[in-house]
Amino acid sequence: MVFKIIVIILFIANIVALGVALRALLTNQTDGSGKTVKYLTLRVILAVALLVFVGVGLLTGQLGASAPWLSY
């Protein structure tokens, strides 16, 4: 259950970081501070963390696939 909560939180944080980066891109087009790059870097870090947690969850059995086309 903990893995599912962490995956949901990381997914939502990833979407929020993408939105913040878009906002920084649209509002600070002439500013050379690099805020967009910082926010997109944060998004990449969150995406890698999400992939790691999903991978660990699948390998340990905490997460599973229950799609009907995966039933053998």
PDB file of N, CA and C in Angstrom:
ATOM      1  N   MET A   1       0.816  -1.195   0.000  1.00  0.00           N
ATOM      2  CA  MET A   1       0.000   0.000   0.000  1.00  0.00           C
ATOM      3  C   MET A   1       0.862   1.262   0.000  1.00  0.00           C
ATOM      4  N   VAL A   2       1.997   1.179   0.671  1.00  0.00           N
ATOM      5  CA  VAL A   2       2.895   2.335   0.743  1.00  0.00           C
ATOM      6  C   VAL A   2       3.462   2.657  -0.636  1.00  0.00           C
ATOM      7  N   PHE A   3       3.786   1.605  -1.392  1.00  0.00           N
ATOM      8  CA  PHE A   3       4.328   1.831  -2.730  1.00  0.00           C
ATOM      9  C   PHE A   3       3.309   2.525  -3.616  1.00  0.00           C
ATOM     10  N   LYS A   4       2.045   2.150  -3.507  1.00  0.00           N
ATOM     11  CA  LYS A   4       1.011   2.764  -4.332  1.00  0.00           C
ATOM     12  C   LYS A   4       0.862   4.245  -4.002  1.00  0.00           C
ATOM     13  N   ILE A   5       0.924   4.584  -2.733  1.00  0.00           N
ATOM     14  CA  ILE A   5       0.812   5.985  -2.317  1.00  0.00           C
ATOM     15  C   ILE A   5       2.003   6.787  -2.811  1.00  0.00           C
ATOM     16  N   ILE A   6       3.198   6.214  -2.705  1.00  0.00           N
ATOM     17  CA  ILE A   6       4.405   6.907  -3.170  1.00  0.00           C
ATOM     18  C   ILE A   6       4.348   7.104  -4.679  1.00  0.00           C
ATOM     19  N   VAL A   7       3.883   6.106  -5.420  1.00  0.00           N
ATOM     20  CA  VAL A   7       3.783   6.223  -6.878  1.00  0.00           C
ATOM     21  C   VAL A   7       2.779   7.311  -7.251  1.00  0.00           C
ATOM     22  N   ILE A   8       1.655   7.357  -6.569  1.00  0.00           N
ATOM     23  CA  ILE A   8       0.651   8.389  -6.849  1.00  0.00           C
ATOM     24  C   ILE A   8       1.201   9.777  -6.548  1.00  0.00           C
ATOM     25  N   ILE A   9       1.889   9.927  -5.420  1.00  0.00           N
ATOM     26  CA  ILE A   9       2.466  11.224  -5.054  1.00  0.00           C
ATOM     27  C   ILE A   9       3.525  11.653  -6.071  1.00  0.00           C
ATOM     28  N   LEU A  10       4.384  10.732  -6.494  1.00  0.00           N
ATOM     29  CA  LEU A  10       5.410  11.061  -7.480  1.00  0.00           C
ATOM     30  C   LEU A  10       4.793  11.417  -8.825  1.00  0.00           C
ATOM     31  N   PHE A  11       3.717  10.729  -9.212  1.00  0.00           N
ATOM     32  CA  PHE A  11       3.056  11.039 -10.474  1.00  0.00           C
ATOM     33  C   PHE A  11       2.442  12.436 -10.438  1.00  0.00           C
ATOM     34  N   ILE A  12       1.760  12.765  -9.356  1.00  0.00           N
ATOM     35  CA  ILE A  12       1.156  14.092  -9.227  1.00  0.00           C
ATOM     36  C   ILE A  12       2.230  15.169  -9.168  1.00  0.00           C
ATOM     37  N   ALA A  13       3.319  14.915  -8.447  1.00  0.00           N
ATOM     38  CA  ALA A  13       4.416  15.881  -8.370  1.00  0.00           C
ATOM     39  C   ALA A  13       5.054  16.093  -9.736  1.00  0.00           C
ATOM     40  N   ASN A  14       5.119  15.037 -10.534  1.00  0.00           N
ATOM     41  CA  ASN A  14       5.673  15.142 -11.882  1.00  0.00           C
ATOM     42  C   ASN A  14       4.801  16.041 -12.752  1.00  0.00           C
ATOM     43  N   ILE A  15       3.494  15.878 -12.672  1.00  0.00           N
ATOM     44  CA  ILE A  15       2.572  16.709 -13.443  1.00  0.00           C
ATOM     45  C   ILE A  15       2.650  18.166 -12.978  1.00  0.00           C
ATOM     46  N   VAL A  16       2.714  18.379 -11.663  1.00  0.00           N
ATOM     47  CA  VAL A  16       2.816  19.742 -11.126  1.00  0.00           C
ATOM     48  C   VAL A  16       4.117  20.398 -11.572  1.00  0.00           C
ATOM     49  N   ALA A  17       5.219  19.667 -11.526  1.00  0.00           N
ATOM     50  CA  ALA A  17       6.502  20.227 -11.960  1.00  0.00           C
ATOM     51  C   ALA A  17       6.473  20.593 -13.437  1.00  0.00           C
ATOM     52  N   LEU A  18       5.791  19.795 -14.237  1.00  0.00           N
ATOM     53  CA  LEU A  18       5.667  20.112 -15.657  1.00  0.00           C
ATOM     54  C   LEU A  18       4.854  21.391 -15.860  1.00  0.00           C
ATOM     55  N   GLY A  19       3.792  21.554 -15.096  1.00  0.00           N
ATOM     56  CA  GLY A  19       2.984  22.770 -15.182  1.00  0.00           C
ATOM     57  C   GLY A  19       3.735  24.004 -14.722  1.00  0.00           C
ATOM     58  N   VAL A  20       4.511  23.870 -13.660  1.00  0.00           N
ATOM     59  CA  VAL A  20       5.299  25.001 -13.163  1.00  0.00           C
ATOM     60  C   VAL A  20       6.367  25.392 -14.179  1.00  0.00           C
ATOM     61  N   ALA A  21       6.972  24.405 -14.827  1.00  0.00           N
ATOM     62  CA  ALA A  21       7.973  24.699 -15.854  1.00  0.00           C
ATOM     63  C   ALA A  21       7.337  25.414 -17.045  1.00  0.00           C
ATOM     64  N   LEU A  22       6.135  24.998 -17.417  1.00  0.00           N
ATOM     65  CA  LEU A  22       5.433  25.673 -18.508  1.00  0.00           C
ATOM     66  C   LEU A  22       5.110  27.107 -18.133  1.00  0.00           C
ATOM     67  N   ARG A  23       4.670  27.311 -16.911  1.00  0.00           N
ATOM     68  CA  ARG A  23       4.363  28.669 -16.448  1.00  0.00           C
ATOM     69  C   ARG A  23       5.624  29.539 -16.442  1.00  0.00           C
ATOM     70  N   ALA A  24       6.739  28.967 -15.984  1.00  0.00           N
ATOM     71  CA  ALA A  24       7.994  29.718 -15.977  1.00  0.00           C
ATOM     72  C   ALA A  24       8.445  30.036 -17.390  1.00  0.00           C
ATOM     73  N   LEU A  25       8.201  29.132 -18.315  1.00  0.00           N
ATOM     74  CA  LEU A  25       8.583  29.361 -19.705  1.00  0.00           C
ATOM     75  C   LEU A  25       7.747  30.481 -20.320  1.00  0.00           C
ATOM     76  N   LEU A  26       6.460  30.489 -20.029  1.00  0.00           N
ATOM     77  CA  LEU A  26       5.576  31.474 -20.638  1.00  0.00           C
ATOM     78  C   LEU A  26       5.686  32.860 -20.008  1.00  0.00           C
ATOM     79  N   THR A  27       5.975  32.941 -18.721  1.00  0.00           N
ATOM     80  CA  THR A  27       6.006  34.242 -18.053  1.00  0.00           C
ATOM     81  C   THR A  27       7.380  34.899 -18.078  1.00  0.00           C
ATOM     82  N   ASN A  28       8.443  34.128 -18.120  1.00  0.00           N
ATOM     83  CA  ASN A  28       9.797  34.688 -18.047  1.00  0.00           C
ATOM     84  C   ASN A  28      10.561  34.400 -19.332  1.00  0.00           C
ATOM     85  N   GLN A  29      10.027  34.814 -20.452  1.00  0.00           N
ATOM     86  CA  GLN A  29      10.682  34.513 -21.723  1.00  0.00           C
ATOM     87  C   GLN A  29      11.956  35.329 -21.924  1.00  0.00           C
ATOM     88  N   THR A  30      12.023  36.525 -21.364  1.00  0.00           N
ATOM     89  CA  THR A  30      13.212  37.353 -21.551  1.00  0.00           C
ATOM     90  C   THR A  30      14.180  37.243 -20.377  1.00  0.00           C
ATOM     91  N   ASP A  31      13.750  36.593 -19.304  1.00  0.00           N
ATOM     92  CA  ASP A  31      14.598  36.458 -18.118  1.00  0.00           C
ATOM     93  C   ASP A  31      15.627  35.354 -18.369  1.00  0.00           C
ATOM     94  N   GLY A  32      16.858  35.622 -18.054  1.00  0.00           N
ATOM     95  CA  GLY A  32      17.921  34.649 -18.276  1.00  0.00           C
ATOM     96  C   GLY A  32      18.284  33.862 -17.040  1.00  0.00           C
ATOM     97  N   SER A  33      17.358  33.704 -16.095  1.00  0.00           N
ATOM     98  CA  SER A  33      17.691  33.046 -14.840  1.00  0.00           C
ATOM     99  C   SER A  33      17.721  31.528 -14.950  1.00  0.00           C
ATOM    100  N   GLY A  34      17.106  30.951 -15.967  1.00  0.00           N
ATOM    101  CA  GLY A  34      17.130  29.503 -16.145  1.00  0.00           C
ATOM    102  C   GLY A  34      16.143  28.763 -15.271  1.00  0.00           C
ATOM    103  N   LYS A  35      15.049  29.409 -14.892  1.00  0.00           N
ATOM    104  CA  LYS A  35      14.061  28.743 -14.040  1.00  0.00           C
ATOM    105  C   LYS A  35      13.431  27.552 -14.746  1.00  0.00           C
ATOM    106  N   THR A  36      13.205  27.695 -16.042  1.00  0.00           N
ATOM    107  CA  THR A  36      12.581  26.600 -16.793  1.00  0.00           C
ATOM    108  C   THR A  36      13.469  25.367 -16.772  1.00  0.00           C
ATOM    109  N   VAL A  37      14.747  25.555 -16.926  1.00  0.00           N
ATOM    110  CA  VAL A  37      15.684  24.427 -16.910  1.00  0.00           C
ATOM    111  C   VAL A  37      15.701  23.769 -15.548  1.00  0.00           C
ATOM    112  N   LYS A  38      15.655  24.567 -14.486  1.00  0.00           N
ATOM    113  CA  LYS A  38      15.648  24.009 -13.134  1.00  0.00           C
ATOM    114  C   LYS A  38      14.394  23.176 -12.887  1.00  0.00           C
ATOM    115  N   TYR A  39      13.235  23.677 -13.329  1.00  0.00           N
ATOM    116  CA  TYR A  39      11.991  22.952 -13.120  1.00  0.00           C
ATOM    117  C   TYR A  39      11.932  21.687 -13.978  1.00  0.00           C
ATOM    118  N   LEU A  40      12.446  21.748 -15.190  1.00  0.00           N
ATOM    119  CA  LEU A  40      12.461  20.553 -16.025  1.00  0.00           C
ATOM    120  C   LEU A  40      13.464  19.521 -15.506  1.00  0.00           C
ATOM    121  N   THR A  41      14.556  19.982 -14.908  1.00  0.00           N
ATOM    122  CA  THR A  41      15.497  19.065 -14.265  1.00  0.00           C
ATOM    123  C   THR A  41      14.832  18.371 -13.091  1.00  0.00           C
ATOM    124  N   LEU A  42      14.065  19.127 -12.313  1.00  0.00           N
ATOM    125  CA  LEU A  42      13.310  18.536 -11.204  1.00  0.00           C
ATOM    126  C   LEU A  42      12.319  17.503 -11.728  1.00  0.00           C
ATOM    127  N   ARG A  43      11.690  17.785 -12.865  1.00  0.00           N
ATOM    128  CA  ARG A  43      10.734  16.853 -13.448  1.00  0.00           C
ATOM    129  C   ARG A  43      11.421  15.563 -13.871  1.00  0.00           C
ATOM    130  N   VAL A  44      12.612  15.667 -14.445  1.00  0.00           N
ATOM    131  CA  VAL A  44      13.350  14.471 -14.857  1.00  0.00           C
ATOM    132  C   VAL A  44      13.722  13.642 -13.636  1.00  0.00           C
ATOM    133  N   ILE A  45      14.137  14.293 -12.568  1.00  0.00           N
ATOM    134  CA  ILE A  45      14.485  13.582 -11.336  1.00  0.00           C
ATOM    135  C   ILE A  45      13.256  12.871 -10.772  1.00  0.00           C
ATOM    136  N   LEU A  46      12.116  13.542 -10.779  1.00  0.00           N
ATOM    137  CA  LEU A  46      10.885  12.918 -10.297  1.00  0.00           C
ATOM    138  C   LEU A  46      10.477  11.741 -11.182  1.00  0.00           C
ATOM    139  N   ALA A  47      10.662  11.864 -12.487  1.00  0.00           N
ATOM    140  CA  ALA A  47      10.317  10.779 -13.395  1.00  0.00           C
ATOM    141  C   ALA A  47      11.212   9.556 -13.170  1.00  0.00           C
ATOM    142  N   VAL A  48      12.493   9.794 -12.950  1.00  0.00           N
ATOM    143  CA  VAL A  48      13.410   8.686 -12.672  1.00  0.00           C
ATOM    144  C   VAL A  48      13.041   8.023 -11.345  1.00  0.00           C
ATOM    145  N   ALA A  49      12.706   8.828 -10.338  1.00  0.00           N
ATOM    146  CA  ALA A  49      12.290   8.266  -9.047  1.00  0.00           C
ATOM    147  C   ALA A  49      11.010   7.449  -9.202  1.00  0.00           C
ATOM    148  N   LEU A  50      10.085   7.930 -10.028  1.00  0.00           N
ATOM    149  CA  LEU A  50       8.847   7.192 -10.277  1.00  0.00           C
ATOM    150  C   LEU A  50       9.141   5.853 -10.942  1.00  0.00           C
ATOM    151  N   LEU A  51      10.006   5.854 -11.937  1.00  0.00           N
ATOM    152  CA  LEU A  51      10.362   4.601 -12.605  1.00  0.00           C
ATOM    153  C   LEU A  51      11.050   3.628 -11.653  1.00  0.00           C
ATOM    154  N   VAL A  52      11.910   4.142 -10.792  1.00  0.00           N
ATOM    155  CA  VAL A  52      12.601   3.280  -9.825  1.00  0.00           C
ATOM    156  C   VAL A  52      11.594   2.669  -8.857  1.00  0.00           C
ATOM    157  N   PHE A  53      10.664   3.477  -8.337  1.00  0.00           N
ATOM    158  CA  PHE A  53       9.686   2.947  -7.397  1.00  0.00           C
ATOM    159  C   PHE A  53       8.758   1.933  -8.053  1.00  0.00           C
ATOM    160  N   VAL A  54       8.353   2.172  -9.283  1.00  0.00           N
ATOM    161  CA  VAL A  54       7.510   1.203  -9.981  1.00  0.00           C
ATOM    162  C   VAL A  54       8.297  -0.089 -10.234  1.00  0.00           C
ATOM    163  N   GLY A  55       9.539   0.033 -10.649  1.00  0.00           N
ATOM    164  CA  GLY A  55      10.364  -1.148 -10.875  1.00  0.00           C
ATOM    165  C   GLY A  55      10.589  -1.966  -9.616  1.00  0.00           C
ATOM    166  N   VAL A  56      10.921  -1.290  -8.527  1.00  0.00           N
ATOM    167  CA  VAL A  56      11.127  -1.989  -7.254  1.00  0.00           C
ATOM    168  C   VAL A  56       9.822  -2.613  -6.775  1.00  0.00           C
ATOM    169  N   GLY A  57       8.731  -1.900  -6.942  1.00  0.00           N
ATOM    170  CA  GLY A  57       7.436  -2.436  -6.531  1.00  0.00           C
ATOM    171  C   GLY A  57       7.042  -3.667  -7.327  1.00  0.00           C
ATOM    172  N   LEU A  58       7.316  -3.666  -8.625  1.00  0.00           N
ATOM    173  CA  LEU A  58       7.010  -4.842  -9.439  1.00  0.00           C
ATOM    174  C   LEU A  58       7.917  -6.018  -9.101  1.00  0.00           C
ATOM    175  N   LEU A  59       9.186  -5.737  -8.852  1.00  0.00           N
ATOM    176  CA  LEU A  59      10.121  -6.830  -8.531  1.00  0.00           C
ATOM    177  C   LEU A  59       9.856  -7.440  -7.165  1.00  0.00           C
ATOM    178  N   THR A  60       9.447  -6.636  -6.197  1.00  0.00           N
ATOM    179  CA  THR A  60       9.200  -7.157  -4.858  1.00  0.00           C
ATOM    180  C   THR A  60       7.786  -7.687  -4.676  1.00  0.00           C
ATOM    181  N   GLY A  61       6.915  -7.444  -5.634  1.00  0.00           N
ATOM    182  CA  GLY A  61       5.550  -7.928  -5.525  1.00  0.00           C
ATOM    183  C   GLY A  61       4.597  -6.964  -4.844  1.00  0.00           C
ATOM    184  N   GLN A  62       5.071  -5.787  -4.474  1.00  0.00           N
ATOM    185  CA  GLN A  62       4.210  -4.785  -3.848  1.00  0.00           C
ATOM    186  C   GLN A  62       3.220  -4.198  -4.851  1.00  0.00           C
ATOM    187  N   LEU A  63       3.634  -4.128  -6.110  1.00  0.00           N
ATOM    188  CA  LEU A  63       2.778  -3.671  -7.198  1.00  0.00           C
ATOM    189  C   LEU A  63       2.619  -4.816  -8.186  1.00  0.00           C
ATOM    190  N   GLY A  64       1.486  -4.851  -8.838  1.00  0.00           N
ATOM    191  CA  GLY A  64       1.273  -5.911  -9.815  1.00  0.00           C
ATOM    192  C   GLY A  64       0.425  -5.423 -10.968  1.00  0.00           C
ATOM    193  N   ALA A  65       0.530  -6.126 -12.067  1.00  0.00           N
ATOM    194  CA  ALA A  65      -0.269  -5.798 -13.237  1.00  0.00           C
ATOM    195  C   ALA A  65      -1.519  -6.670 -13.214  1.00  0.00           C
ATOM    196  N   SER A  66      -2.675  -6.034 -13.343  1.00  0.00           N
ATOM    197  CA  SER A  66      -3.923  -6.799 -13.334  1.00  0.00           C
ATOM    198  C   SER A  66      -4.731  -6.543 -14.596  1.00  0.00           C
ATOM    199  N   ALA A  67      -4.058  -6.266 -15.684  1.00  0.00           N
ATOM    200  CA  ALA A  67      -4.736  -6.045 -16.955  1.00  0.00           C
ATOM    201  C   ALA A  67      -5.277  -7.391 -17.474  1.00  0.00           C
ATOM    202  N   PRO A  68      -6.465  -7.374 -18.059  1.00  0.00           N
ATOM    203  CA  PRO A  68      -7.044  -8.641 -18.517  1.00  0.00           C
ATOM    204  C   PRO A  68      -6.243  -9.319 -19.615  1.00  0.00           C
ATOM    205  N   TRP A  69      -5.500  -8.570 -20.408  1.00  0.00           N
ATOM    206  CA  TRP A  69      -4.728  -9.185 -21.487  1.00  0.00           C
ATOM    207  C   TRP A  69      -3.422  -9.801 -20.979  1.00  0.00           C
ATOM    208  N   LEU A  70      -3.114  -9.614 -19.682  1.00  0.00           N
ATOM    209  CA  LEU A  70      -1.905 -10.210 -19.130  1.00  0.00           C
ATOM    210  C   LEU A  70      -2.175 -11.532 -18.412  1.00  0.00           C
ATOM    211  N   SER A  71      -3.409 -11.970 -18.359  1.00  0.00           N
ATOM    212  CA  SER A  71      -3.717 -13.240 -17.694  1.00  0.00           C
ATOM    213  C   SER A  71      -3.359 -14.399 -18.630  1.00  0.00           C
ATOM    214  N   TYR A  72      -2.604 -15.297 -18.127  1.00  0.00           N
ATOM    215  CA  TYR A  72      -2.126 -16.410 -18.952  1.00  0.00           C
ATOM    216  C   TYR A  72      -2.944 -17.645 -18.672  1.00  0.00           C
TER     217      TYR A  72
END
